[in-house]
Structures are given as structure tokens and as C-alpha cells.
Amino acid sequence: MTYKHLTTRELTLIADFWYQGTKAYRAAKLLQRSQETIYRVYRFLNDGKTIDQYLQTYQRHKRRCGRKQTQLPTIEVNYIHAQIKAGWTPDTIIGRHEHPISCSMRTLYRMFARNQYGFAVK
């Protein structure tokens, strides 16, 4: 299961629980969140920082979350460029199996859609 990021509403509720002196395990149970998630926010607030500072830090770190884009070796990129010039489509490039490509057809189509390596079908 993937990680469900904290919402601003949840963070304000956690801060309210902290100000009221509610134990972290009770707040976790009420919010249906992991205790460690709540304790992390509590520790941040105990250090004298504000919930706004936590939110800014959290959002900055959240941007780095997720899968990174697939990177192809230079040999494969050159091969794909050569086949594009010959008029081949992405499914033909992968489907012919003349040269091994280290990604799926769907990923290759995404690379074409993003114009990741200058791939463009004419």
C-alpha cells in the first residue's frame, strides 16, 4: 500500500491535540494514522517550532516523493533515434526485438509523450 500524505486539516488537528495535551497514541487512533506519524509532528512541535514550519518542511520533502523517471542507456537512445528517422513507431521499435530495450512499450510511449530524449514521431 502506498503512503497517504498528511493533509493540512490533519496537521492542524494534530497541532490542536498537541496544544490540548492529548497523548500521541490517542490522536493517532482518532485520526486513524500511524503513531509514528503523530509522534514525528509532536517532536517537531516540542522543539519550539510551529505547525506552519512543519507544513513547509513537509511539502518541500513531499516533492521528492515518488518514482523517478526511467533513464535509458545512451546506446538504446541512439538506436531509438535511428529507428524514428527510419519511420518506426514505438511499438515497432520494441516489438521487433532487434535490439534489447530496457523499458516496456508503455514506458516508451510515455517517453515519447514527454519528449524526454527528443523522441518525436513524424
C-alpha atoms as a PDB file:
ATOM      1  CA  MET A   1       0.000   0.000   0.000  1.00  0.00           C
ATOM      2  CA  THR A   2       1.256   3.484  -0.800  1.00  0.00           C
ATOM      3  CA  TYR A   3       1.839   6.236   1.721  1.00  0.00           C
ATOM      4  CA  LYS A   4      -1.046   8.635   2.260  1.00  0.00           C
ATOM      5  CA  HIS A   5       0.356  12.119   2.793  1.00  0.00           C
ATOM      6  CA  LEU A   6      -0.867  14.287   5.640  1.00  0.00           C
ATOM      7  CA  THR A   7      -3.400  16.937   4.710  1.00  0.00           C
ATOM      8  CA  THR A   8      -3.378  20.463   6.095  1.00  0.00           C
ATOM      9  CA  ARG A   9      -6.550  19.633   8.015  1.00  0.00           C
ATOM     10  CA  GLU A  10      -4.898  16.622   9.644  1.00  0.00           C
ATOM     11  CA  LEU A  11      -1.847  18.678  10.576  1.00  0.00           C
ATOM     12  CA  THR A  12      -3.977  21.352  12.243  1.00  0.00           C
ATOM     13  CA  LEU A  13      -5.860  18.649  14.153  1.00  0.00           C
ATOM     14  CA  ILE A  14      -2.556  17.127  15.293  1.00  0.00           C
ATOM     15  CA  ALA A  15      -1.365  20.570  16.411  1.00  0.00           C
ATOM     16  CA  ASP A  16      -4.635  21.100  18.300  1.00  0.00           C
ATOM     17  CA  PHE A  17      -4.227  17.726  20.008  1.00  0.00           C
ATOM     18  CA  TRP A  18      -0.667  18.693  20.968  1.00  0.00           C
ATOM     19  CA  TYR A  19      -1.795  22.056  22.409  1.00  0.00           C
ATOM     20  CA  GLN A  20      -4.535  20.285  24.421  1.00  0.00           C
ATOM     21  CA  GLY A  21      -2.014  17.820  25.808  1.00  0.00           C
ATOM     22  CA  THR A  22      -3.616  14.775  24.171  1.00  0.00           C
ATOM     23  CA  LYS A  23      -1.330  11.747  24.061  1.00  0.00           C
ATOM     24  CA  ALA A  24       0.017  10.939  20.610  1.00  0.00           C
ATOM     25  CA  TYR A  25      -1.305   7.378  20.608  1.00  0.00           C
ATOM     26  CA  ARG A  26      -4.851   8.676  21.237  1.00  0.00           C
ATOM     27  CA  ALA A  27      -4.513  11.253  18.457  1.00  0.00           C
ATOM     28  CA  ALA A  28      -3.263   8.505  16.145  1.00  0.00           C
ATOM     29  CA  LYS A  29      -6.258   6.344  16.950  1.00  0.00           C
ATOM     30  CA  LEU A  30      -8.723   9.217  16.437  1.00  0.00           C
ATOM     31  CA  LEU A  31      -7.156  10.227  13.122  1.00  0.00           C
ATOM     32  CA  GLN A  32      -6.616   6.609  12.045  1.00  0.00           C
ATOM     33  CA  ARG A  33      -2.943   7.301  11.413  1.00  0.00           C
ATOM     34  CA  SER A  34       0.279   5.625  12.418  1.00  0.00           C
ATOM     35  CA  GLN A  35       1.572   6.570  15.851  1.00  0.00           C
ATOM     36  CA  GLU A  36       4.994   7.332  14.394  1.00  0.00           C
ATOM     37  CA  THR A  37       3.455   9.939  12.070  1.00  0.00           C
ATOM     38  CA  ILE A  38       1.838  11.727  15.009  1.00  0.00           C
ATOM     39  CA  TYR A  39       4.970  11.429  17.188  1.00  0.00           C
ATOM     40  CA  ARG A  40       7.046  12.981  14.394  1.00  0.00           C
ATOM     41  CA  VAL A  41       4.819  16.078  14.395  1.00  0.00           C
ATOM     42  CA  TYR A  42       4.735  16.164  18.212  1.00  0.00           C
ATOM     43  CA  ARG A  43       8.566  16.071  18.378  1.00  0.00           C
ATOM     44  CA  PHE A  44       8.734  18.909  15.854  1.00  0.00           C
ATOM     45  CA  LEU A  45       6.349  20.997  17.964  1.00  0.00           C
ATOM     46  CA  ASN A  46       8.234  20.095  21.168  1.00  0.00           C
ATOM     47  CA  ASP A  47      11.373  21.619  19.632  1.00  0.00           C
ATOM     48  CA  GLY A  48       9.614  25.001  19.724  1.00  0.00           C
ATOM     49  CA  LYS A  49       8.756  25.145  16.049  1.00  0.00           C
ATOM     50  CA  THR A  50       5.337  25.956  14.600  1.00  0.00           C
ATOM     51  CA  ILE A  51       2.954  23.856  12.555  1.00  0.00           C
ATOM     52  CA  ASP A  52       3.465  26.276   9.628  1.00  0.00           C
ATOM     53  CA  GLN A  53       7.181  25.487   9.665  1.00  0.00           C
ATOM     54  CA  TYR A  54       6.367  21.770   9.743  1.00  0.00           C
ATOM     55  CA  LEU A  55       3.982  22.151   6.804  1.00  0.00           C
ATOM     56  CA  GLN A  56       6.604  23.977   4.724  1.00  0.00           C
ATOM     57  CA  THR A  57       9.245  21.346   5.501  1.00  0.00           C
ATOM     58  CA  TYR A  58       6.772  18.543   4.849  1.00  0.00           C
ATOM     59  CA  GLN A  59       5.729  19.954   1.470  1.00  0.00           C
ATOM     60  CA  ARG A  60       9.349  20.523   0.433  1.00  0.00           C
ATOM     61  CA  HIS A  61      10.197  16.889   1.230  1.00  0.00           C
ATOM     62  CA  LYS A  62       6.963  15.643  -0.339  1.00  0.00           C
ATOM     63  CA  ARG A  63       8.059  16.969  -3.738  1.00  0.00           C
ATOM     64  CA  ARG A  64      10.913  14.443  -3.762  1.00  0.00           C
ATOM     65  CA  CYS A  65       8.493  11.569  -3.170  1.00  0.00           C
ATOM     66  CA  GLY A  66       7.507   9.154  -5.911  1.00  0.00           C
ATOM     67  CA  ARG A  67       9.085   7.167  -8.652  1.00  0.00           C
ATOM     68  CA  LYS A  68      11.881   8.716 -10.654  1.00  0.00           C
ATOM     69  CA  GLN A  69      11.736   8.833 -14.447  1.00  0.00           C
ATOM     70  CA  THR A  70      13.232   5.878 -16.288  1.00  0.00           C
ATOM     71  CA  GLN A  71      16.639   6.612 -17.790  1.00  0.00           C
ATOM     72  CA  LEU A  72      17.793   4.711 -20.857  1.00  0.00           C
ATOM     73  CA  PRO A  73      21.441   3.987 -21.694  1.00  0.00           C
ATOM     74  CA  THR A  74      22.965   6.077 -24.488  1.00  0.00           C
ATOM     75  CA  ILE A  75      23.179   3.056 -26.819  1.00  0.00           C
ATOM     76  CA  GLU A  76      19.430   2.481 -26.576  1.00  0.00           C
ATOM     77  CA  VAL A  77      18.631   6.182 -27.057  1.00  0.00           C
ATOM     78  CA  ASN A  78      20.793   6.286 -30.200  1.00  0.00           C
ATOM     79  CA  TYR A  79      19.100   3.122 -31.507  1.00  0.00           C
ATOM     80  CA  ILE A  80      15.637   4.585 -30.902  1.00  0.00           C
ATOM     81  CA  HIS A  81      16.588   7.851 -32.646  1.00  0.00           C
ATOM     82  CA  ALA A  82      17.861   5.888 -35.646  1.00  0.00           C
ATOM     83  CA  GLN A  83      14.626   3.895 -35.870  1.00  0.00           C
ATOM     84  CA  ILE A  84      12.499   7.039 -35.546  1.00  0.00           C
ATOM     85  CA  LYS A  85      14.360   8.526 -38.512  1.00  0.00           C
ATOM     86  CA  ALA A  86      13.546   5.327 -40.402  1.00  0.00           C
ATOM     87  CA  GLY A  87       9.854   5.972 -39.671  1.00  0.00           C
ATOM     88  CA  TRP A  88       9.259   3.364 -36.977  1.00  0.00           C
ATOM     89  CA  THR A  89       6.693   3.777 -34.210  1.00  0.00           C
ATOM     90  CA  PRO A  90       7.419   2.958 -30.539  1.00  0.00           C
ATOM     91  CA  ASP A  91       5.562  -0.366 -30.648  1.00  0.00           C
ATOM     92  CA  THR A  92       7.534  -1.397 -33.737  1.00  0.00           C
ATOM     93  CA  ILE A  93      10.832  -0.466 -32.089  1.00  0.00           C
ATOM     94  CA  ILE A  94      10.145  -2.661 -29.055  1.00  0.00           C
ATOM     95  CA  GLY A  95       8.121  -5.332 -30.843  1.00  0.00           C
ATOM     96  CA  ARG A  96      10.799  -6.271 -33.385  1.00  0.00           C
ATOM     97  CA  HIS A  97      13.304  -7.301 -30.674  1.00  0.00           C
ATOM     98  CA  GLU A  98      16.237  -6.385 -32.932  1.00  0.00           C
ATOM     99  CA  HIS A  99      17.869  -4.550 -30.065  1.00  0.00           C
ATOM    100  CA  PRO A 100      17.021  -5.029 -26.371  1.00  0.00           C
ATOM    101  CA  ILE A 101      15.272  -2.014 -24.836  1.00  0.00           C
ATOM    102  CA  SER A 102      15.304  -1.814 -21.039  1.00  0.00           C
ATOM    103  CA  CYS A 103      11.758  -0.470 -20.667  1.00  0.00           C
ATOM    104  CA  SER A 104       8.250  -1.550 -21.573  1.00  0.00           C
ATOM    105  CA  MET A 105       6.287  -0.364 -24.580  1.00  0.00           C
ATOM    106  CA  ARG A 106       4.040   1.688 -22.314  1.00  0.00           C
ATOM    107  CA  THR A 107       7.037   3.433 -20.733  1.00  0.00           C
ATOM    108  CA  LEU A 108       8.491   4.138 -24.162  1.00  0.00           C
ATOM    109  CA  TYR A 109       5.192   5.713 -25.239  1.00  0.00           C
ATOM    110  CA  ARG A 110       5.301   7.886 -22.102  1.00  0.00           C
ATOM    111  CA  MET A 111       8.825   8.987 -23.048  1.00  0.00           C
ATOM    112  CA  PHE A 112       7.537   9.942 -26.488  1.00  0.00           C
ATOM    113  CA  ALA A 113       4.628  11.866 -24.942  1.00  0.00           C
ATOM    114  CA  ARG A 114       7.015  13.757 -22.613  1.00  0.00           C
ATOM    115  CA  ASN A 115       9.526  14.239 -25.439  1.00  0.00           C
ATOM    116  CA  GLN A 116      12.063  13.017 -22.880  1.00  0.00           C
ATOM    117  CA  TYR A 117      15.005  12.314 -25.193  1.00  0.00           C
ATOM    118  CA  GLY A 118      13.818  14.388 -28.104  1.00  0.00           C
ATOM    119  CA  PHE A 119      11.727  11.444 -29.279  1.00  0.00           C
ATOM    120  CA  ALA A 120       9.075  12.632 -31.705  1.00  0.00           C
ATOM    121  CA  VAL A 121       7.067  10.609 -34.184  1.00  0.00           C
ATOM    122  CA  LYS A 122       6.884  12.319 -37.565  1.00  0.00           C
END
